[in-house]
PDB file of N, CA and C in Angstrom:
ATOM      1  N   UNK A   1     -15.096  30.979  -8.841  1.00  0.00           N
ATOM      2  CA  UNK A   1     -15.797  29.705  -8.801  1.00  0.00           C
ATOM      3  C   UNK A   1     -15.128  28.828  -7.743  1.00  0.00           C
ATOM      4  N   UNK A   2     -15.922  28.242  -6.848  1.00  0.00           N
ATOM      5  CA  UNK A   2     -15.306  27.406  -5.823  1.00  0.00           C
ATOM      6  C   UNK A   2     -14.993  26.030  -6.390  1.00  0.00           C
ATOM      7  N   UNK A   3     -14.195  25.286  -5.645  1.00  0.00           N
ATOM      8  CA  UNK A   3     -13.676  24.009  -6.115  1.00  0.00           C
ATOM      9  C   UNK A   3     -14.777  22.987  -6.403  1.00  0.00           C
ATOM     10  N   UNK A   4     -15.907  23.077  -5.734  1.00  0.00           N
ATOM     11  CA  UNK A   4     -17.001  22.126  -5.963  1.00  0.00           C
ATOM     12  C   UNK A   4     -17.555  22.236  -7.372  1.00  0.00           C
ATOM     13  N   UNK A   5     -17.375  23.380  -8.009  1.00  0.00           N
ATOM     14  CA  UNK A   5     -17.931  23.595  -9.336  1.00  0.00           C
ATOM     15  C   UNK A   5     -16.860  23.714 -10.410  1.00  0.00           C
ATOM     16  N   UNK A   6     -15.647  23.360 -10.077  1.00  0.00           N
ATOM     17  CA  UNK A   6     -14.577  23.451 -11.069  1.00  0.00           C
ATOM     18  C   UNK A   6     -14.625  22.232 -11.981  1.00  0.00           C
ATOM     19  N   UNK A   7     -13.968  22.346 -13.107  1.00  0.00           N
ATOM     20  CA  UNK A   7     -13.926  21.243 -14.064  1.00  0.00           C
ATOM     21  C   UNK A   7     -12.505  21.104 -14.589  1.00  0.00           C
ATOM     22  N   UNK A   8     -12.184  19.923 -15.034  1.00  0.00           N
ATOM     23  CA  UNK A   8     -10.858  19.699 -15.594  1.00  0.00           C
ATOM     24  C   UNK A   8     -10.902  19.574 -17.115  1.00  0.00           C
ATOM     25  N   UNK A   9     -12.070  19.702 -17.711  1.00  0.00           N
ATOM     26  CA  UNK A   9     -12.194  19.634 -19.162  1.00  0.00           C
ATOM     27  C   UNK A   9     -12.171  18.225 -19.727  1.00  0.00           C
ATOM     28  N   UNK A  10     -12.197  17.222 -18.888  1.00  0.00           N
ATOM     29  CA  UNK A  10     -12.145  15.834 -19.337  1.00  0.00           C
ATOM     30  C   UNK A  10     -13.523  15.413 -19.841  1.00  0.00           C
ATOM     31  N   UNK A  11     -13.653  15.266 -21.145  1.00  0.00           N
ATOM     32  CA  UNK A  11     -14.950  14.941 -21.734  1.00  0.00           C
ATOM     33  C   UNK A  11     -15.421  13.527 -21.391  1.00  0.00           C
ATOM     34  N   UNK A  12     -14.497  12.597 -21.174  1.00  0.00           N
ATOM     35  CA  UNK A  12     -14.901  11.240 -20.786  1.00  0.00           C
ATOM     36  C   UNK A  12     -15.492  11.274 -19.377  1.00  0.00           C
ATOM     37  N   UNK A  13     -14.897  12.076 -18.513  1.00  0.00           N
ATOM     38  CA  UNK A  13     -15.458  12.246 -17.177  1.00  0.00           C
ATOM     39  C   UNK A  13     -16.836  12.921 -17.264  1.00  0.00           C
ATOM     40  N   UNK A  14     -16.944  13.919 -18.102  1.00  0.00           N
ATOM     41  CA  UNK A  14     -18.231  14.584 -18.310  1.00  0.00           C
ATOM     42  C   UNK A  14     -19.290  13.621 -18.823  1.00  0.00           C
ATOM     43  N   UNK A  15     -18.891  12.713 -19.698  1.00  0.00           N
ATOM     44  CA  UNK A  15     -19.827  11.716 -20.227  1.00  0.00           C
ATOM     45  C   UNK A  15     -20.356  10.833 -19.103  1.00  0.00           C
ATOM     46  N   UNK A  16     -19.483  10.425 -18.186  1.00  0.00           N
ATOM     47  CA  UNK A  16     -19.920   9.594 -17.068  1.00  0.00           C
ATOM     48  C   UNK A  16     -20.909  10.358 -16.188  1.00  0.00           C
ATOM     49  N   UNK A  17     -20.622  11.610 -15.935  1.00  0.00           N
ATOM     50  CA  UNK A  17     -21.526  12.429 -15.126  1.00  0.00           C
ATOM     51  C   UNK A  17     -22.898  12.514 -15.789  1.00  0.00           C
ATOM     52  N   UNK A  18     -22.916  12.724 -17.096  1.00  0.00           N
ATOM     53  CA  UNK A  18     -24.203  12.825 -17.808  1.00  0.00           C
ATOM     54  C   UNK A  18     -24.960  11.503 -17.808  1.00  0.00           C
ATOM     55  N   UNK A  19     -24.249  10.375 -17.905  1.00  0.00           N
ATOM     56  CA  UNK A  19     -24.952   9.089 -17.869  1.00  0.00           C
ATOM     57  C   UNK A  19     -25.636   8.901 -16.519  1.00  0.00           C
ATOM     58  N   UNK A  20     -24.989   9.356 -15.459  1.00  0.00           N
ATOM     59  CA  UNK A  20     -25.587   9.233 -14.129  1.00  0.00           C
ATOM     60  C   UNK A  20     -26.723  10.241 -13.943  1.00  0.00           C
ATOM     61  N   UNK A  21     -26.484  11.453 -14.404  1.00  0.00           N
ATOM     62  CA  UNK A  21     -27.477  12.513 -14.232  1.00  0.00           C
ATOM     63  C   UNK A  21     -28.786  12.187 -14.961  1.00  0.00           C
ATOM     64  N   UNK A  22     -28.676  11.605 -16.141  1.00  0.00           N
ATOM     65  CA  UNK A  22     -29.864  11.313 -16.953  1.00  0.00           C
ATOM     66  C   UNK A  22     -30.266   9.839 -16.905  1.00  0.00           C
ATOM     67  N   UNK A  23     -29.620   9.054 -16.022  1.00  0.00           N
ATOM     68  CA  UNK A  23     -29.909   7.626 -15.864  1.00  0.00           C
ATOM     69  C   UNK A  23     -29.800   6.884 -17.200  1.00  0.00           C
ATOM     70  N   UNK A  24     -28.702   7.143 -17.895  1.00  0.00           N
ATOM     71  CA  UNK A  24     -28.433   6.494 -19.179  1.00  0.00           C
ATOM     72  C   UNK A  24     -27.589   5.250 -18.912  1.00  0.00           C
ATOM     73  N   UNK A  25     -28.171   4.080 -19.143  1.00  0.00           N
ATOM     74  CA  UNK A  25     -27.500   2.852 -18.714  1.00  0.00           C
ATOM     75  C   UNK A  25     -27.265   1.827 -19.814  1.00  0.00           C
ATOM     76  N   UNK A  26     -27.908   1.986 -20.957  1.00  0.00           N
ATOM     77  CA  UNK A  26     -27.763   0.976 -22.010  1.00  0.00           C
ATOM     78  C   UNK A  26     -26.578   1.304 -22.920  1.00  0.00           C
ATOM     79  N   UNK A  27     -26.155   0.315 -23.694  1.00  0.00           N
ATOM     80  CA  UNK A  27     -25.087   0.552 -24.670  1.00  0.00           C
ATOM     81  C   UNK A  27     -25.492   1.630 -25.666  1.00  0.00           C
ATOM     82  N   UNK A  28     -26.762   1.628 -26.084  1.00  0.00           N
ATOM     83  CA  UNK A  28     -27.240   2.658 -27.004  1.00  0.00           C
ATOM     84  C   UNK A  28     -27.123   4.048 -26.369  1.00  0.00           C
ATOM     85  N   UNK A  29     -27.494   4.148 -25.096  1.00  0.00           N
ATOM     86  CA  UNK A  29     -27.345   5.418 -24.382  1.00  0.00           C
ATOM     87  C   UNK A  29     -25.887   5.876 -24.394  1.00  0.00           C
ATOM     88  N   UNK A  30     -24.988   4.956 -24.099  1.00  0.00           N
ATOM     89  CA  UNK A  30     -23.555   5.289 -24.054  1.00  0.00           C
ATOM     90  C   UNK A  30     -23.047   5.678 -25.440  1.00  0.00           C
ATOM     91  N   UNK A  31     -23.553   5.016 -26.472  1.00  0.00           N
ATOM     92  CA  UNK A  31     -23.182   5.381 -27.840  1.00  0.00           C
ATOM     93  C   UNK A  31     -23.587   6.827 -28.139  1.00  0.00           C
ATOM     94  N   UNK A  32     -24.781   7.192 -27.705  1.00  0.00           N
ATOM     95  CA  UNK A  32     -25.261   8.559 -27.934  1.00  0.00           C
ATOM     96  C   UNK A  32     -24.411   9.581 -27.188  1.00  0.00           C
ATOM     97  N   UNK A  33     -24.054   9.266 -25.950  1.00  0.00           N
ATOM     98  CA  UNK A  33     -23.186  10.165 -25.176  1.00  0.00           C
ATOM     99  C   UNK A  33     -21.824  10.278 -25.846  1.00  0.00           C
ATOM    100  N   UNK A  34     -21.284   9.152 -26.338  1.00  0.00           N
ATOM    101  CA  UNK A  34     -19.979   9.175 -27.008  1.00  0.00           C
ATOM    102  C   UNK A  34     -20.035  10.067 -28.247  1.00  0.00           C
ATOM    103  N   UNK A  35     -21.103   9.915 -29.015  1.00  0.00           N
ATOM    104  CA  UNK A  35     -21.267  10.747 -30.209  1.00  0.00           C
ATOM    105  C   UNK A  35     -21.352  12.224 -29.818  1.00  0.00           C
ATOM    106  N   UNK A  36     -22.020  12.500 -28.698  1.00  0.00           N
ATOM    107  CA  UNK A  36     -22.159  13.877 -28.233  1.00  0.00           C
ATOM    108  C   UNK A  36     -20.797  14.497 -27.918  1.00  0.00           C
ATOM    109  N   UNK A  37     -19.890  13.736 -27.292  1.00  0.00           N
ATOM    110  CA  UNK A  37     -18.604  14.322 -26.894  1.00  0.00           C
ATOM    111  C   UNK A  37     -17.550  14.237 -27.998  1.00  0.00           C
ATOM    112  N   UNK A  38     -17.888  13.598 -29.106  1.00  0.00           N
ATOM    113  CA  UNK A  38     -16.919  13.492 -30.208  1.00  0.00           C
ATOM    114  C   UNK A  38     -17.444  14.238 -31.436  1.00  0.00           C
ATOM    115  N   UNK A  39     -18.210  13.571 -32.256  1.00  0.00           N
ATOM    116  CA  UNK A  39     -18.673  14.146 -33.522  1.00  0.00           C
ATOM    117  C   UNK A  39     -19.537  15.393 -33.337  1.00  0.00           C
ATOM    118  N   UNK A  40     -20.493  15.310 -32.416  1.00  0.00           N
ATOM    119  CA  UNK A  40     -21.362  16.466 -32.189  1.00  0.00           C
ATOM    120  C   UNK A  40     -20.598  17.608 -31.535  1.00  0.00           C
ATOM    121  N   UNK A  41     -19.646  17.268 -30.671  1.00  0.00           N
ATOM    122  CA  UNK A  41     -18.799  18.297 -30.065  1.00  0.00           C
ATOM    123  C   UNK A  41     -17.995  19.048 -31.112  1.00  0.00           C
ATOM    124  N   UNK A  42     -17.507  18.317 -32.100  1.00  0.00           N
ATOM    125  CA  UNK A  42     -16.759  18.957 -33.194  1.00  0.00           C
ATOM    126  C   UNK A  42     -17.656  19.918 -33.968  1.00  0.00           C
ATOM    127  N   UNK A  43     -18.905  19.536 -34.164  1.00  0.00           N
ATOM    128  CA  UNK A  43     -19.846  20.433 -34.856  1.00  0.00           C
ATOM    129  C   UNK A  43     -20.061  21.713 -34.065  1.00  0.00           C
ATOM    130  N   UNK A  44     -20.270  21.569 -32.749  1.00  0.00           N
ATOM    131  CA  UNK A  44     -20.493  22.741 -31.899  1.00  0.00           C
ATOM    132  C   UNK A  44     -19.290  23.680 -31.954  1.00  0.00           C
ATOM    133  N   UNK A  45     -18.087  23.104 -31.990  1.00  0.00           N
ATOM    134  CA  UNK A  45     -16.865  23.907 -32.040  1.00  0.00           C
ATOM    135  C   UNK A  45     -16.554  24.431 -33.444  1.00  0.00           C
ATOM    136  N   UNK A  46     -17.316  23.987 -34.441  1.00  0.00           N
ATOM    137  CA  UNK A  46     -17.098  24.429 -35.813  1.00  0.00           C
ATOM    138  C   UNK A  46     -15.870  23.808 -36.465  1.00  0.00           C
ATOM    139  N   UNK A  47     -15.476  22.614 -35.982  1.00  0.00           N
ATOM    140  CA  UNK A  47     -14.278  21.959 -36.536  1.00  0.00           C
ATOM    141  C   UNK A  47     -14.613  20.619 -37.191  1.00  0.00           C
ATOM    142  N   UNK A  48     -15.890  20.415 -37.507  1.00  0.00           N
ATOM    143  CA  UNK A  48     -16.293  19.109 -38.038  1.00  0.00           C
ATOM    144  C   UNK A  48     -15.602  18.739 -39.345  1.00  0.00           C
ATOM    145  N   UNK A  49     -15.219  19.725 -40.160  1.00  0.00           N
ATOM    146  CA  UNK A  49     -14.539  19.405 -41.430  1.00  0.00           C
ATOM    147  C   UNK A  49     -13.133  18.883 -41.196  1.00  0.00           C
ATOM    148  N   UNK A  50     -12.535  19.246 -40.054  1.00  0.00           N
ATOM    149  CA  UNK A  50     -11.188  18.801 -39.724  1.00  0.00           C
ATOM    150  C   UNK A  50     -11.199  17.654 -38.726  1.00  0.00           C
ATOM    151  N   UNK A  51     -12.389  17.195 -38.333  1.00  0.00           N
ATOM    152  CA  UNK A  51     -12.517  16.171 -37.306  1.00  0.00           C
ATOM    153  C   UNK A  51     -12.470  14.784 -37.929  1.00  0.00           C
ATOM    154  N   UNK A  52     -11.825  13.863 -37.256  1.00  0.00           N
ATOM    155  CA  UNK A  52     -11.779  12.476 -37.695  1.00  0.00           C
ATOM    156  C   UNK A  52     -10.370  12.048 -38.038  1.00  0.00           C
ATOM    157  N   UNK A  53     -10.234  10.776 -38.319  1.00  0.00           N
ATOM    158  CA  UNK A  53      -8.921  10.206 -38.625  1.00  0.00           C
ATOM    159  C   UNK A  53      -8.870   9.913 -40.113  1.00  0.00           C
ATOM    160  N   UNK A  54      -8.298  10.857 -40.843  1.00  0.00           N
ATOM    161  CA  UNK A  54      -8.121  10.718 -42.288  1.00  0.00           C
ATOM    162  C   UNK A  54      -6.882  11.502 -42.686  1.00  0.00           C
ATOM    163  N   UNK A  55      -6.277  11.088 -43.766  1.00  0.00           N
ATOM    164  CA  UNK A  55      -5.117  11.796 -44.287  1.00  0.00           C
ATOM    165  C   UNK A  55      -5.486  13.254 -44.567  1.00  0.00           C
ATOM    166  N   UNK A  56      -4.611  14.158 -44.169  1.00  0.00           N
ATOM    167  CA  UNK A  56      -4.820  15.573 -44.414  1.00  0.00           C
ATOM    168  C   UNK A  56      -5.510  16.314 -43.276  1.00  0.00           C
ATOM    169  N   UNK A  57      -6.009  15.566 -42.287  1.00  0.00           N
ATOM    170  CA  UNK A  57      -6.647  16.220 -41.137  1.00  0.00           C
ATOM    171  C   UNK A  57      -5.574  16.583 -40.112  1.00  0.00           C
ATOM    172  N   UNK A  58      -5.949  17.383 -39.124  1.00  0.00           N
ATOM    173  CA  UNK A  58      -5.003  17.961 -38.175  1.00  0.00           C
ATOM    174  C   UNK A  58      -4.272  16.946 -37.302  1.00  0.00           C
ATOM    175  N   UNK A  59      -4.841  15.839 -37.024  1.00  0.00           N
ATOM    176  CA  UNK A  59      -4.258  14.806 -36.155  1.00  0.00           C
ATOM    177  C   UNK A  59      -4.185  15.263 -34.708  1.00  0.00           C
ATOM    178  N   UNK A  60      -5.316  15.718 -34.185  1.00  0.00           N
ATOM    179  CA  UNK A  60      -5.474  15.987 -32.764  1.00  0.00           C
ATOM    180  C   UNK A  60      -6.346  14.870 -32.211  1.00  0.00           C
ATOM    181  N   UNK A  61      -5.813  14.070 -31.294  1.00  0.00           N
ATOM    182  CA  UNK A  61      -6.597  12.964 -30.772  1.00  0.00           C
ATOM    183  C   UNK A  61      -6.080  12.483 -29.437  1.00  0.00           C
ATOM    184  N   UNK A  62      -6.921  11.731 -28.769  1.00  0.00           N
ATOM    185  CA  UNK A  62      -6.580  11.102 -27.501  1.00  0.00           C
ATOM    186  C   UNK A  62      -6.772   9.609 -27.684  1.00  0.00           C
ATOM    187  N   UNK A  63      -5.768   8.832 -27.305  1.00  0.00           N
ATOM    188  CA  UNK A  63      -5.859   7.380 -27.387  1.00  0.00           C
ATOM    189  C   UNK A  63      -6.107   6.865 -25.974  1.00  0.00           C
ATOM    190  N   UNK A  64      -7.241   6.176 -25.822  1.00  0.00           N
ATOM    191  CA  UNK A  64      -7.668   5.687 -24.512  1.00  0.00           C
ATOM    192  C   UNK A  64      -7.411   4.194 -24.365  1.00  0.00           C
ATOM    193  N   UNK A  65      -7.166   3.769 -23.150  1.00  0.00           N
ATOM    194  CA  UNK A  65      -6.971   2.356 -22.832  1.00  0.00           C
ATOM    195  C   UNK A  65      -8.326   1.741 -22.522  1.00  0.00           C
ATOM    196  N   UNK A  66      -9.092   1.443 -23.576  1.00  0.00           N
ATOM    197  CA  UNK A  66     -10.432   0.873 -23.407  1.00  0.00           C
ATOM    198  C   UNK A  66     -10.784   0.033 -24.620  1.00  0.00           C
ATOM    199  N   UNK A  67     -11.616  -0.953 -24.380  1.00  0.00           N
ATOM    200  CA  UNK A  67     -12.034  -1.836 -25.472  1.00  0.00           C
ATOM    201  C   UNK A  67     -13.138  -1.238 -26.330  1.00  0.00           C
ATOM    202  N   UNK A  68     -13.857  -0.266 -25.793  1.00  0.00           N
ATOM    203  CA  UNK A  68     -14.973   0.335 -26.521  1.00  0.00           C
ATOM    204  C   UNK A  68     -15.264   1.703 -25.925  1.00  0.00           C
ATOM    205  N   UNK A  69     -16.026   2.517 -26.636  1.00  0.00           N
ATOM    206  CA  UNK A  69     -16.435   3.797 -26.050  1.00  0.00           C
ATOM    207  C   UNK A  69     -17.214   3.619 -24.742  1.00  0.00           C
ATOM    208  N   UNK A  70     -18.058   2.589 -24.691  1.00  0.00           N
ATOM    209  CA  UNK A  70     -18.826   2.362 -23.470  1.00  0.00           C
ATOM    210  C   UNK A  70     -17.899   2.108 -22.283  1.00  0.00           C
ATOM    211  N   UNK A  71     -16.899   1.244 -22.493  1.00  0.00           N
ATOM    212  CA  UNK A  71     -15.958   0.949 -21.405  1.00  0.00           C
ATOM    213  C   UNK A  71     -15.077   2.147 -21.092  1.00  0.00           C
ATOM    214  N   UNK A  72     -14.776   2.952 -22.068  1.00  0.00           N
ATOM    215  CA  UNK A  72     -13.992   4.168 -21.802  1.00  0.00           C
ATOM    216  C   UNK A  72     -14.727   5.055 -20.812  1.00  0.00           C
ATOM    217  N   UNK A  73     -16.037   5.169 -20.992  1.00  0.00           N
ATOM    218  CA  UNK A  73     -16.853   5.999 -20.096  1.00  0.00           C
ATOM    219  C   UNK A  73     -16.985   5.333 -18.730  1.00  0.00           C
ATOM    220  N   UNK A  74     -17.394   4.084 -18.708  1.00  0.00           N
ATOM    221  CA  UNK A  74     -17.667   3.388 -17.449  1.00  0.00           C
ATOM    222  C   UNK A  74     -16.412   3.296 -16.580  1.00  0.00           C
ATOM    223  N   UNK A  75     -15.288   2.936 -17.196  1.00  0.00           N
ATOM    224  CA  UNK A  75     -14.057   2.720 -16.433  1.00  0.00           C
ATOM    225  C   UNK A  75     -13.190   3.972 -16.328  1.00  0.00           C
ATOM    226  N   UNK A  76     -13.642   5.075 -16.955  1.00  0.00           N
ATOM    227  CA  UNK A  76     -12.835   6.301 -16.967  1.00  0.00           C
ATOM    228  C   UNK A  76     -11.418   5.957 -17.434  1.00  0.00           C
ATOM    229  N   UNK A  77     -11.374   5.492 -18.662  1.00  0.00           N
ATOM    230  CA  UNK A  77     -10.160   4.936 -19.251  1.00  0.00           C
ATOM    231  C   UNK A  77      -8.964   5.875 -19.137  1.00  0.00           C
ATOM    232  N   UNK A  78      -7.832   5.265 -18.922  1.00  0.00           N
ATOM    233  CA  UNK A  78      -6.564   6.001 -18.864  1.00  0.00           C
ATOM    234  C   UNK A  78      -6.253   6.557 -20.253  1.00  0.00           C
ATOM    235  N   UNK A  79      -5.774   7.782 -20.272  1.00  0.00           N
ATOM    236  CA  UNK A  79      -5.351   8.388 -21.534  1.00  0.00           C
ATOM    237  C   UNK A  79      -3.918   7.933 -21.809  1.00  0.00           C
ATOM    238  N   UNK A  80      -3.762   7.048 -22.781  1.00  0.00           N
ATOM    239  CA  UNK A  80      -2.429   6.537 -23.094  1.00  0.00           C
ATOM    240  C   UNK A  80      -1.590   7.594 -23.803  1.00  0.00           C
ATOM    241  N   UNK A  81      -2.218   8.280 -24.742  1.00  0.00           N
ATOM    242  CA  UNK A  81      -1.512   9.311 -25.509  1.00  0.00           C
ATOM    243  C   UNK A  81      -2.456  10.470 -25.792  1.00  0.00           C
ATOM    244  N   UNK A  82      -1.895  11.670 -25.817  1.00  0.00           N
ATOM    245  CA  UNK A  82      -2.580  12.836 -26.350  1.00  0.00           C
ATOM    246  C   UNK A  82      -1.706  13.319 -27.500  1.00  0.00           C
ATOM    247  N   UNK A  83      -2.310  13.455 -28.664  1.00  0.00           N
ATOM    248  CA  UNK A  83      -1.575  13.857 -29.868  1.00  0.00           C
ATOM    249  C   UNK A  83      -2.148  15.178 -30.351  1.00  0.00           C
ATOM    250  N   UNK A  84      -1.276  16.147 -30.572  1.00  0.00           N
ATOM    251  CA  UNK A  84      -1.668  17.486 -31.026  1.00  0.00           C
ATOM    252  C   UNK A  84      -0.871  17.799 -32.279  1.00  0.00           C
ATOM    253  N   UNK A  85      -1.577  18.109 -33.360  1.00  0.00           N
ATOM    254  CA  UNK A  85      -0.934  18.390 -34.646  1.00  0.00           C
ATOM    255  C   UNK A  85       0.052  17.293 -35.037  1.00  0.00           C
ATOM    256  N   UNK A  86      -0.346  16.045 -34.760  1.00  0.00           N
ATOM    257  CA  UNK A  86       0.459  14.900 -35.160  1.00  0.00           C
ATOM    258  C   UNK A  86       1.638  14.584 -34.255  1.00  0.00           C
ATOM    259  N   UNK A  87       1.794  15.303 -33.150  1.00  0.00           N
ATOM    260  CA  UNK A  87       2.910  15.068 -32.227  1.00  0.00           C
ATOM    261  C   UNK A  87       2.379  14.576 -30.887  1.00  0.00           C
ATOM    262  N   UNK A  88       3.002  13.531 -30.362  1.00  0.00           N
ATOM    263  CA  UNK A  88       2.638  13.038 -29.041  1.00  0.00           C
ATOM    264  C   UNK A  88       3.097  14.075 -28.023  1.00  0.00           C
ATOM    265  N   UNK A  89       2.146  14.602 -27.243  1.00  0.00           N
ATOM    266  CA  UNK A  89       2.510  15.598 -26.225  1.00  0.00           C
ATOM    267  C   UNK A  89       2.306  15.063 -24.806  1.00  0.00           C
ATOM    268  N   UNK A  90       1.493  13.998 -24.682  1.00  0.00           N
ATOM    269  CA  UNK A  90       1.289  13.352 -23.390  1.00  0.00           C
ATOM    270  C   UNK A  90       1.408  11.855 -23.596  1.00  0.00           C
ATOM    271  N   UNK A  91       2.162  11.215 -22.725  1.00  0.00           N
ATOM    272  CA  UNK A  91       2.298   9.756 -22.773  1.00  0.00           C
ATOM    273  C   UNK A  91       2.044   9.221 -21.371  1.00  0.00           C
ATOM    274  N   UNK A  92       1.129   8.259 -21.262  1.00  0.00           N
ATOM    275  CA  UNK A  92       0.759   7.663 -19.973  1.00  0.00           C
ATOM    276  C   UNK A  92       0.409   8.715 -18.928  1.00  0.00           C
ATOM    277  N   UNK A  93      -0.319   9.747 -19.343  1.00  0.00           N
ATOM    278  CA  UNK A  93      -0.791  10.766 -18.425  1.00  0.00           C
ATOM    279  C   UNK A  93       0.227  11.822 -18.041  1.00  0.00           C
ATOM    280  N   UNK A  94       1.400  11.786 -18.649  1.00  0.00           N
ATOM    281  CA  UNK A  94       2.456  12.731 -18.302  1.00  0.00           C
ATOM    282  C   UNK A  94       2.793  13.591 -19.513  1.00  0.00           C
ATOM    283  N   UNK A  95       2.782  14.913 -19.328  1.00  0.00           N
ATOM    284  CA  UNK A  95       3.169  15.824 -20.413  1.00  0.00           C
ATOM    285  C   UNK A  95       4.660  15.639 -20.672  1.00  0.00           C
ATOM    286  N   UNK A  96       5.015  15.414 -21.914  1.00  0.00           N
ATOM    287  CA  UNK A  96       6.423  15.233 -22.256  1.00  0.00           C
ATOM    288  C   UNK A  96       7.186  16.536 -21.988  1.00  0.00           C
ATOM    289  N   UNK A  97       8.426  16.427 -21.500  1.00  0.00           N
ATOM    290  CA  UNK A  97       9.188  17.616 -21.079  1.00  0.00           C
ATOM    291  C   UNK A  97       9.265  18.727 -22.112  1.00  0.00           C
ATOM    292  N   UNK A  98       9.400  18.374 -23.371  1.00  0.00           N
ATOM    293  CA  UNK A  98       9.540  19.403 -24.413  1.00  0.00           C
ATOM    294  C   UNK A  98       8.268  20.200 -24.637  1.00  0.00           C
ATOM    295  N   UNK A  99       7.158  19.743 -24.048  1.00  0.00           N
ATOM    296  CA  UNK A  99       5.892  20.466 -24.213  1.00  0.00           C
ATOM    297  C   UNK A  99       5.431  21.171 -22.943  1.00  0.00           C
ATOM    298  N   UNK A 100       6.200  21.043 -21.880  1.00  0.00           N
ATOM    299  CA  UNK A 100       5.862  21.747 -20.639  1.00  0.00           C
ATOM    300  C   UNK A 100       6.221  23.218 -20.799  1.00  0.00           C
ATOM    301  N   UNK A 101       5.334  24.080 -20.355  1.00  0.00           N
ATOM    302  CA  UNK A 101       5.587  25.517 -20.447  1.00  0.00           C
ATOM    303  C   UNK A 101       6.131  26.072 -19.147  1.00  0.00           C
ATOM    304  N   UNK A 102       5.975  25.367 -18.065  1.00  0.00           N
ATOM    305  CA  UNK A 102       6.392  25.862 -16.763  1.00  0.00           C
ATOM    306  C   UNK A 102       7.389  24.933 -16.122  1.00  0.00           C
TER     307      UNK A 102
END
């Protein structure tokens, strides 16, 4: 696959691309896209029972620097933290040394 068609797996970036591709411009449109990359994405992956922020769940999440899902998409919000199994593995866009494999 050439570089023009590569992806980085960033779902917020993908959401922005879809809003442009389908001319989705309203807050309701952005809400639907957000639901698609979060709750509906969990269903597609078969992890909906473990998805969400509740006691006893896996605690895999990304904390974004945005006031709302709409602004996260529009501004391509900075990922402040990435948490995997309850452990911070990325802070301010940098993988913490103890989690680097290379």
